[in-house]
Amino acid sequence: MLDNSPESKILINACFLIEKLQNELNNILSFSSDQLSRWHSQNEVRLALLLQFAEQTRLPEESCERIRKNVCMLHKPLTGAVDISADDIGKTSALLREIDNEGFCCPMI
């Protein structure tokens, strides 16, 4: 149950961040090169925030470990270390959903 606690606020922030990444990911193929460059730079911080949120919410260690693993898998495509194709968008989106479901339960908020 959400309340005014710091942990609830962290959960809400994590959910908004994941939703923002999902929405932007769906539009990535229409980004200009400048937009894509800015998006990649922003994602460095966003991925670090997701890790921080997972640690601050006192999730079970197993859940935190899976979130860490998925964030590591997302790092290259979301920061521009590798190019994202149309086929990769679904896989990347699935990893974001897994992070969401594993620790933040955004559909329940």
Protein backbone atom coordinates (compact mmCIF):
# COMPACT_ATOMS: atom_id res chain seq x y z
CA MET A 1 0.00 0.00 0.00
CA LEU A 2 1.32 3.40 -0.92
CA ASP A 3 1.47 6.17 1.63
CA ASN A 4 3.60 9.25 2.22
CA SER A 5 6.64 7.23 3.26
CA PRO A 6 9.98 7.72 1.53
CA GLU A 7 9.80 4.14 0.23
CA SER A 8 6.42 4.81 -1.43
CA LYS A 9 7.81 7.92 -3.07
CA ILE A 10 10.77 5.91 -4.37
CA LEU A 11 8.40 3.31 -5.84
CA ILE A 12 6.37 5.99 -7.59
CA ASN A 13 9.53 7.67 -8.96
CA ALA A 14 10.82 4.32 -10.21
CA CYS A 15 7.53 3.59 -11.96
CA PHE A 16 7.45 6.99 -13.64
CA LEU A 17 11.04 6.56 -14.77
CA ILE A 18 10.35 3.11 -16.23
CA GLU A 19 7.23 4.39 -17.99
CA LYS A 20 9.20 7.33 -19.42
CA LEU A 21 11.90 4.99 -20.72
CA GLN A 22 9.25 2.70 -22.24
CA ASN A 23 7.50 5.59 -23.99
CA GLU A 24 10.72 7.04 -25.35
CA LEU A 25 11.93 3.61 -26.43
CA ASN A 26 8.79 3.19 -28.53
CA ASN A 27 9.69 6.39 -30.41
CA ILE A 28 13.46 5.91 -30.66
CA LEU A 29 13.47 5.11 -34.37
CA SER A 30 12.07 8.57 -35.13
CA PHE A 31 14.72 10.42 -33.08
CA SER A 32 17.17 12.68 -34.87
CA SER A 33 20.85 12.02 -34.21
CA ASP A 34 20.95 14.92 -31.72
CA GLN A 35 17.87 13.64 -29.89
CA LEU A 36 19.34 10.15 -29.80
CA SER A 37 22.62 11.44 -28.41
CA ARG A 38 20.83 13.38 -25.64
CA TRP A 39 18.63 10.35 -24.89
CA HIS A 40 21.66 8.09 -24.55
CA SER A 41 23.30 10.58 -22.16
CA GLN A 42 20.17 10.86 -20.03
CA ASN A 43 19.90 7.09 -19.82
CA GLU A 44 23.26 6.82 -18.06
CA VAL A 45 21.70 8.70 -15.14
CA ARG A 46 18.34 6.96 -15.42
CA LEU A 47 19.86 3.48 -15.19
CA ALA A 48 21.88 4.55 -12.16
CA LEU A 49 18.68 5.86 -10.60
CA LEU A 50 16.92 2.54 -11.16
CA LEU A 51 19.72 0.78 -9.30
CA GLN A 52 19.56 3.33 -6.53
CA PHE A 53 15.77 2.98 -6.26
CA ALA A 54 16.10 -0.81 -6.02
CA GLU A 55 18.59 -0.48 -3.17
CA GLN A 56 16.53 2.12 -1.31
CA THR A 57 13.27 0.15 -1.36
CA ARG A 58 14.62 -2.69 0.75
CA LEU A 59 13.72 -5.32 -1.81
CA PRO A 60 14.77 -8.91 -1.18
CA GLU A 61 18.38 -9.48 -2.24
CA GLU A 62 17.27 -11.86 -5.00
CA SER A 63 15.05 -9.16 -6.55
CA CYS A 64 17.82 -6.56 -6.32
CA GLU A 65 20.22 -8.94 -7.99
CA ARG A 66 17.83 -9.56 -10.91
CA ILE A 67 17.27 -5.82 -11.29
CA ARG A 68 21.05 -5.24 -11.32
CA LYS A 69 21.44 -7.94 -13.97
CA ASN A 70 18.72 -6.42 -16.17
CA VAL A 71 20.10 -2.90 -15.78
CA CYS A 72 23.49 -4.22 -16.89
CA MET A 73 21.86 -5.83 -19.93
CA LEU A 74 20.09 -2.55 -20.72
CA HIS A 75 23.19 -0.40 -20.37
CA LYS A 76 24.62 -0.90 -23.85
CA PRO A 77 21.41 -0.44 -25.87
CA LEU A 78 20.11 2.47 -23.77
CA THR A 79 23.38 4.40 -23.69
CA GLY A 80 24.31 4.02 -27.34
CA ALA A 81 27.14 1.50 -26.95
CA VAL A 82 25.21 -0.65 -29.44
CA ASP A 83 22.62 0.38 -32.01
CA ILE A 84 18.98 -0.50 -31.36
CA SER A 85 17.04 -1.96 -34.27
CA ALA A 86 13.28 -2.32 -34.51
CA ASP A 87 13.70 -5.95 -33.43
CA ASP A 88 15.64 -4.90 -30.33
CA ILE A 89 12.94 -2.54 -29.08
CA GLY A 90 10.69 -5.40 -27.97
CA LYS A 91 13.52 -7.17 -26.15
CA THR A 92 14.63 -3.98 -24.46
CA SER A 93 11.08 -3.15 -23.48
CA ALA A 94 10.68 -6.64 -22.01
CA LEU A 95 13.73 -6.09 -19.80
CA LEU A 96 12.25 -2.82 -18.54
CA ARG A 97 8.96 -4.61 -17.78
CA GLU A 98 10.87 -7.29 -15.92
CA ILE A 99 12.57 -4.64 -13.77
CA ASP A 100 9.17 -3.10 -13.15
CA ASN A 101 7.55 -6.41 -12.21
CA GLU A 102 10.50 -7.64 -10.19
CA GLY A 103 10.78 -4.79 -7.81
CA PHE A 104 8.46 -1.90 -8.31
CA CYS A 105 5.07 -3.42 -9.23
CA CYS A 106 4.09 -0.35 -11.23
CA PRO A 107 0.82 -1.81 -12.57
CA MET A 108 -0.41 -1.92 -8.98
CA ILE A 109 0.24 1.78 -8.35
